[in-house]
Amino acid sequence: MKVVYNDLGFAKPEPHRMRRQGFPEAIFCPGKSDEQILSIFRNLLTGRGPVIATRAPEKLAQELVSAITGAVWHRTARLVVSKPILRRNGRPVAVVTGGTADIPVAEEAAVSLEALGRAPTRLYDVGVAGLHRLLRHENALSRMAAVIVCAGMDGALPSVVGGVVKCPVIAVPTSVGYGVHLGGVASLLTMLNSCAANVSVVNIDNGFGAAVIASLISR
């Protein structure tokens, strides 16, 4: 299979990944210079579908928005997005958090879903410490094609959601919690040990990866 990419020397962006796989290449900003990110961003704009820069700090985000017409910075999600798919399509997807501190990772997932043409339902701060807050949304969750669950601390929420829905649950451990939480490792291990068979797990804080999987399921 012929795969088209552009060789910039320091990077080989793939503007046509959306056409090839149904989701775009994202720019992970940490570790790259501002000049490298701007060059990659502009290169990806030549392709089809959205261009998404993840984990963009404020100064870089402002530079991208100033340099690229139509680019939008989503502060809480830490994303810069250009050329989002405006036509909403696919079956519904929910993004759920255990607590308010999990919202930045959840917004990375939700905004990525919106850029991919999905209309996510947000259910925030419905963790296991107050389970009644989640259960009041059981009917809405039952209509979803997939549910993304972002949780830190003990990481138990995806298993609970998995026990009440009839769709895939994508668990996202977050780096939220006290010392023994180990920066998200405790939540990750809990989610990997879920007894709910419909729960799958992405890496710590990986809201974008969860969004891609949910988008493909929704489609």
C-alpha atoms as a PDB file:
ATOM      1  CA  MET A   1       0.000   0.000   0.000  1.00  0.00           C
ATOM      2  CA  LYS A   2       1.368   3.396  -0.978  1.00  0.00           C
ATOM      3  CA  VAL A   3       1.413   5.821   1.934  1.00  0.00           C
ATOM      4  CA  VAL A   4       1.917   9.486   1.087  1.00  0.00           C
ATOM      5  CA  TYR A   5       3.803  11.714   3.504  1.00  0.00           C
ATOM      6  CA  ASN A   6       5.878  14.867   3.299  1.00  0.00           C
ATOM      7  CA  ASP A   7       9.511  14.816   4.386  1.00  0.00           C
ATOM      8  CA  LEU A   8      10.374  17.960   6.337  1.00  0.00           C
ATOM      9  CA  GLY A   9      13.637  16.533   7.589  1.00  0.00           C
ATOM     10  CA  PHE A  10      12.725  16.778  11.281  1.00  0.00           C
ATOM     11  CA  ALA A  11       9.252  15.290  10.682  1.00  0.00           C
ATOM     12  CA  LYS A  12       7.277  13.332   8.117  1.00  0.00           C
ATOM     13  CA  PRO A  13       3.684  14.564   8.413  1.00  0.00           C
ATOM     14  CA  GLU A  14       0.918  12.619   6.709  1.00  0.00           C
ATOM     15  CA  PRO A  15      -1.774  15.057   5.488  1.00  0.00           C
ATOM     16  CA  HIS A  16      -3.903  12.298   3.947  1.00  0.00           C
ATOM     17  CA  ARG A  17      -4.219  10.000   6.949  1.00  0.00           C
ATOM     18  CA  MET A  18      -7.858  11.049   7.314  1.00  0.00           C
ATOM     19  CA  ARG A  19      -8.594   9.647   3.856  1.00  0.00           C
ATOM     20  CA  ARG A  20      -6.574   6.487   4.535  1.00  0.00           C
ATOM     21  CA  GLN A  21      -7.754   5.650   8.047  1.00  0.00           C
ATOM     22  CA  GLY A  22     -10.701   7.866   8.893  1.00  0.00           C
ATOM     23  CA  PHE A  23      -8.888   9.952  11.480  1.00  0.00           C
ATOM     24  CA  PRO A  24      -6.130  12.587  11.198  1.00  0.00           C
ATOM     25  CA  GLU A  25      -2.575  12.677  12.419  1.00  0.00           C
ATOM     26  CA  ALA A  26      -2.357  14.788  15.575  1.00  0.00           C
ATOM     27  CA  ILE A  27       0.588  16.980  16.558  1.00  0.00           C
ATOM     28  CA  PHE A  28       1.787  16.193  20.087  1.00  0.00           C
ATOM     29  CA  CYS A  29       3.331  19.523  21.059  1.00  0.00           C
ATOM     30  CA  PRO A  30       5.614  18.699  24.018  1.00  0.00           C
ATOM     31  CA  GLY A  31       9.197  18.105  22.911  1.00  0.00           C
ATOM     32  CA  LYS A  32       8.881  20.071  19.673  1.00  0.00           C
ATOM     33  CA  SER A  33       9.945  23.648  19.010  1.00  0.00           C
ATOM     34  CA  ASP A  34       7.338  26.260  18.159  1.00  0.00           C
ATOM     35  CA  GLU A  35       8.809  26.531  14.656  1.00  0.00           C
ATOM     36  CA  GLN A  36       8.567  22.768  14.116  1.00  0.00           C
ATOM     37  CA  ILE A  37       4.947  22.684  15.273  1.00  0.00           C
ATOM     38  CA  LEU A  38       3.949  25.587  13.026  1.00  0.00           C
ATOM     39  CA  SER A  39       5.637  23.944  10.033  1.00  0.00           C
ATOM     40  CA  ILE A  40       3.934  20.581  10.686  1.00  0.00           C
ATOM     41  CA  PHE A  41       0.572  22.279  11.247  1.00  0.00           C
ATOM     42  CA  ARG A  42       0.761  24.154   7.958  1.00  0.00           C
ATOM     43  CA  ASN A  43       1.788  20.985   6.148  1.00  0.00           C
ATOM     44  CA  LEU A  44      -1.141  19.005   7.532  1.00  0.00           C
ATOM     45  CA  LEU A  45      -3.513  21.757   6.386  1.00  0.00           C
ATOM     46  CA  THR A  46      -2.873  20.643   2.797  1.00  0.00           C
ATOM     47  CA  GLY A  47      -4.764  17.419   3.473  1.00  0.00           C
ATOM     48  CA  ARG A  48      -8.338  16.498   4.150  1.00  0.00           C
ATOM     49  CA  GLY A  49     -10.015  16.757   7.503  1.00  0.00           C
ATOM     50  CA  PRO A  50      -9.171  18.446  10.787  1.00  0.00           C
ATOM     51  CA  VAL A  51      -5.727  19.449  11.995  1.00  0.00           C
ATOM     52  CA  ILE A  52      -5.295  19.012  15.753  1.00  0.00           C
ATOM     53  CA  ALA A  53      -2.375  20.057  17.946  1.00  0.00           C
ATOM     54  CA  THR A  54      -2.563  18.462  21.397  1.00  0.00           C
ATOM     55  CA  ARG A  55      -1.116  19.665  24.721  1.00  0.00           C
ATOM     56  CA  ALA A  56      -0.528  23.140  23.329  1.00  0.00           C
ATOM     57  CA  PRO A  57       0.706  25.635  25.957  1.00  0.00           C
ATOM     58  CA  GLU A  58      -0.859  29.092  25.927  1.00  0.00           C
ATOM     59  CA  LYS A  59       2.014  30.957  24.252  1.00  0.00           C
ATOM     60  CA  LEU A  60       2.277  28.434  21.416  1.00  0.00           C
ATOM     61  CA  ALA A  61      -1.499  28.285  21.008  1.00  0.00           C
ATOM     62  CA  GLN A  62      -1.686  32.043  20.601  1.00  0.00           C
ATOM     63  CA  GLU A  63       1.079  31.934  17.995  1.00  0.00           C
ATOM     64  CA  LEU A  64      -0.751  29.242  16.015  1.00  0.00           C
ATOM     65  CA  VAL A  65      -4.042  31.116  16.151  1.00  0.00           C
ATOM     66  CA  SER A  66      -2.317  34.314  14.986  1.00  0.00           C
ATOM     67  CA  ALA A  67      -0.447  32.584  12.161  1.00  0.00           C
ATOM     68  CA  ILE A  68      -3.199  30.297  10.837  1.00  0.00           C
ATOM     69  CA  THR A  69      -6.551  31.636   9.705  1.00  0.00           C
ATOM     70  CA  GLY A  70      -9.402  29.713  11.246  1.00  0.00           C
ATOM     71  CA  ALA A  71      -7.355  27.979  13.947  1.00  0.00           C
ATOM     72  CA  VAL A  72      -9.087  27.889  17.333  1.00  0.00           C
ATOM     73  CA  TRP A  73      -7.515  27.320  20.741  1.00  0.00           C
ATOM     74  CA  HIS A  74      -9.589  25.307  23.209  1.00  0.00           C
ATOM     75  CA  ARG A  75      -8.014  26.350  26.493  1.00  0.00           C
ATOM     76  CA  THR A  76      -9.337  23.657  28.837  1.00  0.00           C
ATOM     77  CA  ALA A  77      -8.699  20.888  26.306  1.00  0.00           C
ATOM     78  CA  ARG A  78      -5.237  22.326  25.507  1.00  0.00           C
ATOM     79  CA  LEU A  79      -5.967  21.779  21.812  1.00  0.00           C
ATOM     80  CA  VAL A  80      -5.554  23.965  18.747  1.00  0.00           C
ATOM     81  CA  VAL A  81      -7.950  22.865  16.000  1.00  0.00           C
ATOM     82  CA  SER A  82      -8.298  23.910  12.372  1.00  0.00           C
ATOM     83  CA  LYS A  83     -10.621  22.614   9.636  1.00  0.00           C
ATOM     84  CA  PRO A  84     -13.003  20.710  11.949  1.00  0.00           C
ATOM     85  CA  ILE A  85     -15.700  18.582  10.346  1.00  0.00           C
ATOM     86  CA  LEU A  86     -18.813  20.727  10.786  1.00  0.00           C
ATOM     87  CA  ARG A  87     -21.379  18.189   9.619  1.00  0.00           C
ATOM     88  CA  ARG A  88     -22.372  16.078  12.614  1.00  0.00           C
ATOM     89  CA  ASN A  89     -22.559  12.370  11.856  1.00  0.00           C
ATOM     90  CA  GLY A  90     -22.360   8.978  13.501  1.00  0.00           C
ATOM     91  CA  ARG A  91     -24.125   7.530  16.511  1.00  0.00           C
ATOM     92  CA  PRO A  92     -23.908   9.393  19.828  1.00  0.00           C
ATOM     93  CA  VAL A  93     -20.896   9.199  22.148  1.00  0.00           C
ATOM     94  CA  ALA A  94     -20.711  10.262  25.795  1.00  0.00           C
ATOM     95  CA  VAL A  95     -17.716  11.648  27.664  1.00  0.00           C
ATOM     96  CA  VAL A  96     -17.896  11.059  31.418  1.00  0.00           C
ATOM     97  CA  THR A  97     -15.637  12.136  34.283  1.00  0.00           C
ATOM     98  CA  GLY A  98     -15.249  10.960  37.826  1.00  0.00           C
ATOM     99  CA  GLY A  99     -14.512  14.481  39.079  1.00  0.00           C
ATOM    100  CA  THR A 100     -13.985  18.073  38.048  1.00  0.00           C
ATOM    101  CA  ALA A 101     -10.189  17.633  38.055  1.00  0.00           C
ATOM    102  CA  ASP A 102     -10.559  15.098  35.210  1.00  0.00           C
ATOM    103  CA  ILE A 103     -12.212  17.656  32.907  1.00  0.00           C
ATOM    104  CA  PRO A 104      -9.066  18.763  30.992  1.00  0.00           C
ATOM    105  CA  VAL A 105      -8.507  15.196  29.763  1.00  0.00           C
ATOM    106  CA  ALA A 106     -12.221  14.777  29.091  1.00  0.00           C
ATOM    107  CA  GLU A 107     -12.282  18.000  27.092  1.00  0.00           C
ATOM    108  CA  GLU A 108      -9.340  16.775  25.026  1.00  0.00           C
ATOM    109  CA  ALA A 109     -11.552  13.822  24.117  1.00  0.00           C
ATOM    110  CA  ALA A 110     -14.754  15.846  23.650  1.00  0.00           C
ATOM    111  CA  VAL A 111     -13.208  18.590  21.493  1.00  0.00           C
ATOM    112  CA  SER A 112     -11.397  15.970  19.408  1.00  0.00           C
ATOM    113  CA  LEU A 113     -14.729  14.231  18.848  1.00  0.00           C
ATOM    114  CA  GLU A 114     -16.278  17.519  17.751  1.00  0.00           C
ATOM    115  CA  ALA A 115     -13.400  18.099  15.329  1.00  0.00           C
ATOM    116  CA  LEU A 116     -14.094  14.636  13.897  1.00  0.00           C
ATOM    117  CA  GLY A 117     -17.758  15.441  13.288  1.00  0.00           C
ATOM    118  CA  ARG A 118     -19.274  13.913  16.403  1.00  0.00           C
ATOM    119  CA  ALA A 119     -21.515  15.653  18.949  1.00  0.00           C
ATOM    120  CA  PRO A 120     -20.449  14.312  22.365  1.00  0.00           C
ATOM    121  CA  THR A 121     -22.695  14.299  25.401  1.00  0.00           C
ATOM    122  CA  ARG A 122     -20.731  15.566  28.409  1.00  0.00           C
ATOM    123  CA  LEU A 123     -21.469  14.123  31.869  1.00  0.00           C
ATOM    124  CA  TYR A 124     -18.957  15.552  34.325  1.00  0.00           C
ATOM    125  CA  ASP A 125     -18.368  14.942  38.048  1.00  0.00           C
ATOM    126  CA  VAL A 126     -20.433  11.760  38.347  1.00  0.00           C
ATOM    127  CA  GLY A 127     -17.863   9.583  40.136  1.00  0.00           C
ATOM    128  CA  VAL A 128     -18.316   6.626  42.455  1.00  0.00           C
ATOM    129  CA  ALA A 129     -18.193   8.793  45.589  1.00  0.00           C
ATOM    130  CA  GLY A 130     -21.721   9.905  44.619  1.00  0.00           C
ATOM    131  CA  LEU A 131     -22.981   7.088  42.433  1.00  0.00           C
ATOM    132  CA  HIS A 132     -26.542   8.449  42.310  1.00  0.00           C
ATOM    133  CA  ARG A 133     -25.232  11.286  40.115  1.00  0.00           C
ATOM    134  CA  LEU A 134     -24.269   8.757  37.439  1.00  0.00           C
ATOM    135  CA  LEU A 135     -27.318   6.508  37.694  1.00  0.00           C
ATOM    136  CA  ARG A 136     -29.744   9.351  36.949  1.00  0.00           C
ATOM    137  CA  HIS A 137     -28.227   9.379  33.417  1.00  0.00           C
ATOM    138  CA  GLU A 138     -28.599   5.624  32.856  1.00  0.00           C
ATOM    139  CA  ASN A 139     -31.240   6.021  30.130  1.00  0.00           C
ATOM    140  CA  ALA A 140     -29.124   8.501  28.176  1.00  0.00           C
ATOM    141  CA  LEU A 141     -26.040   6.284  28.467  1.00  0.00           C
ATOM    142  CA  SER A 142     -27.988   3.297  27.164  1.00  0.00           C
ATOM    143  CA  ARG A 143     -28.375   5.063  23.784  1.00  0.00           C
ATOM    144  CA  MET A 144     -24.671   5.647  23.217  1.00  0.00           C
ATOM    145  CA  ALA A 145     -22.478   3.949  20.626  1.00  0.00           C
ATOM    146  CA  ALA A 146     -19.536   4.302  23.034  1.00  0.00           C
ATOM    147  CA  VAL A 147     -18.746   5.939  26.354  1.00  0.00           C
ATOM    148  CA  ILE A 148     -15.407   7.518  27.205  1.00  0.00           C
ATOM    149  CA  VAL A 149     -14.788   7.510  30.958  1.00  0.00           C
ATOM    150  CA  CYS A 150     -12.014   9.704  32.365  1.00  0.00           C
ATOM    151  CA  ALA A 151     -11.173   9.055  36.015  1.00  0.00           C
ATOM    152  CA  GLY A 152      -8.308   9.418  38.445  1.00  0.00           C
ATOM    153  CA  MET A 153      -8.023   8.518  42.128  1.00  0.00           C
ATOM    154  CA  ASP A 154      -9.100   4.850  42.421  1.00  0.00           C
ATOM    155  CA  GLY A 155     -10.118   4.637  38.751  1.00  0.00           C
ATOM    156  CA  ALA A 156     -13.235   2.599  39.515  1.00  0.00           C
ATOM    157  CA  LEU A 157     -15.765   4.537  37.431  1.00  0.00           C
ATOM    158  CA  PRO A 158     -15.265   2.739  34.061  1.00  0.00           C
ATOM    159  CA  SER A 159     -16.172  -0.603  35.628  1.00  0.00           C
ATOM    160  CA  VAL A 160     -19.357   0.875  37.054  1.00  0.00           C
ATOM    161  CA  VAL A 161     -20.307   2.434  33.714  1.00  0.00           C
ATOM    162  CA  GLY A 162     -19.440  -0.825  31.958  1.00  0.00           C
ATOM    163  CA  GLY A 163     -21.931  -2.614  34.174  1.00  0.00           C
ATOM    164  CA  VAL A 164     -24.873  -0.460  33.112  1.00  0.00           C
ATOM    165  CA  VAL A 165     -24.369   0.143  29.369  1.00  0.00           C
ATOM    166  CA  LYS A 166     -24.577  -2.098  26.302  1.00  0.00           C
ATOM    167  CA  CYS A 167     -21.748  -0.475  24.340  1.00  0.00           C
ATOM    168  CA  PRO A 168     -17.948  -0.287  24.467  1.00  0.00           C
ATOM    169  CA  VAL A 169     -16.492   1.742  27.330  1.00  0.00           C
ATOM    170  CA  ILE A 170     -13.145   3.431  26.695  1.00  0.00           C
ATOM    171  CA  ALA A 171     -11.418   4.022  30.004  1.00  0.00           C
ATOM    172  CA  VAL A 172      -8.955   6.901  30.324  1.00  0.00           C
ATOM    173  CA  PRO A 173      -6.900   6.925  33.528  1.00  0.00           C
ATOM    174  CA  THR A 174      -5.993  10.467  34.545  1.00  0.00           C
ATOM    175  CA  SER A 175      -2.985  11.709  36.476  1.00  0.00           C
ATOM    176  CA  VAL A 176      -5.236  13.016  39.258  1.00  0.00           C
ATOM    177  CA  GLY A 177      -4.875  11.786  42.828  1.00  0.00           C
ATOM    178  CA  TYR A 178      -2.815  11.687  45.999  1.00  0.00           C
ATOM    179  CA  GLY A 179       0.706  10.279  46.360  1.00  0.00           C
ATOM    180  CA  VAL A 180       0.026   6.543  46.137  1.00  0.00           C
ATOM    181  CA  HIS A 181      -1.879   7.254  42.951  1.00  0.00           C
ATOM    182  CA  LEU A 182       1.555   7.439  41.257  1.00  0.00           C
ATOM    183  CA  GLY A 183       0.607   9.953  38.596  1.00  0.00           C
ATOM    184  CA  GLY A 184      -2.176   7.822  37.148  1.00  0.00           C
ATOM    185  CA  VAL A 185      -0.555   4.388  37.405  1.00  0.00           C
ATOM    186  CA  ALA A 186      -2.954   3.283  40.157  1.00  0.00           C
ATOM    187  CA  SER A 187      -5.994   4.222  38.031  1.00  0.00           C
ATOM    188  CA  LEU A 188      -4.450   2.546  35.000  1.00  0.00           C
ATOM    189  CA  LEU A 189      -3.979  -0.735  36.856  1.00  0.00           C
ATOM    190  CA  THR A 190      -7.506  -0.613  38.266  1.00  0.00           C
ATOM    191  CA  MET A 191      -8.955  -0.097  34.798  1.00  0.00           C
ATOM    192  CA  LEU A 192      -6.837  -2.876  33.297  1.00  0.00           C
ATOM    193  CA  ASN A 193      -8.208  -5.165  36.006  1.00  0.00           C
ATOM    194  CA  SER A 194     -11.839  -4.251  35.301  1.00  0.00           C
ATOM    195  CA  CYS A 195     -14.295  -7.124  35.632  1.00  0.00           C
ATOM    196  CA  ALA A 196     -16.646  -5.416  33.131  1.00  0.00           C
ATOM    197  CA  ALA A 197     -15.928  -7.179  29.839  1.00  0.00           C
ATOM    198  CA  ASN A 198     -16.873  -4.184  27.673  1.00  0.00           C
ATOM    199  CA  VAL A 199     -14.146  -1.939  29.114  1.00  0.00           C
ATOM    200  CA  SER A 200     -10.984  -1.198  27.144  1.00  0.00           C
ATOM    201  CA  VAL A 201      -8.195   1.100  28.326  1.00  0.00           C
ATOM    202  CA  VAL A 202      -5.981   3.748  26.734  1.00  0.00           C
ATOM    203  CA  ASN A 203      -2.856   5.323  28.191  1.00  0.00           C
ATOM    204  CA  ILE A 204      -2.796   7.815  31.051  1.00  0.00           C
ATOM    205  CA  ASP A 205      -4.386  11.176  30.087  1.00  0.00           C
ATOM    206  CA  ASN A 206      -4.828  10.044  26.447  1.00  0.00           C
ATOM    207  CA  GLY A 207      -8.079  11.835  25.664  1.00  0.00           C
ATOM    208  CA  PHE A 208      -7.259  12.168  21.970  1.00  0.00           C
ATOM    209  CA  GLY A 209      -6.666   8.434  21.542  1.00  0.00           C
ATOM    210  CA  ALA A 210      -9.949   7.667  23.290  1.00  0.00           C
ATOM    211  CA  ALA A 211     -11.743  10.089  20.957  1.00  0.00           C
ATOM    212  CA  VAL A 212     -10.346   8.408  17.838  1.00  0.00           C
ATOM    213  CA  ILE A 213     -11.476   4.969  19.017  1.00  0.00           C
ATOM    214  CA  ALA A 214     -14.941   6.269  19.984  1.00  0.00           C
ATOM    215  CA  SER A 215     -15.254   8.059  16.639  1.00  0.00           C
ATOM    216  CA  LEU A 216     -14.479   4.868  14.727  1.00  0.00           C
ATOM    217  CA  ILE A 217     -17.002   2.923  16.827  1.00  0.00           C
ATOM    218  CA  SER A 218     -19.590   5.653  16.290  1.00  0.00           C
ATOM    219  CA  ARG A 219     -19.056   5.497  12.545  1.00  0.00           C
END
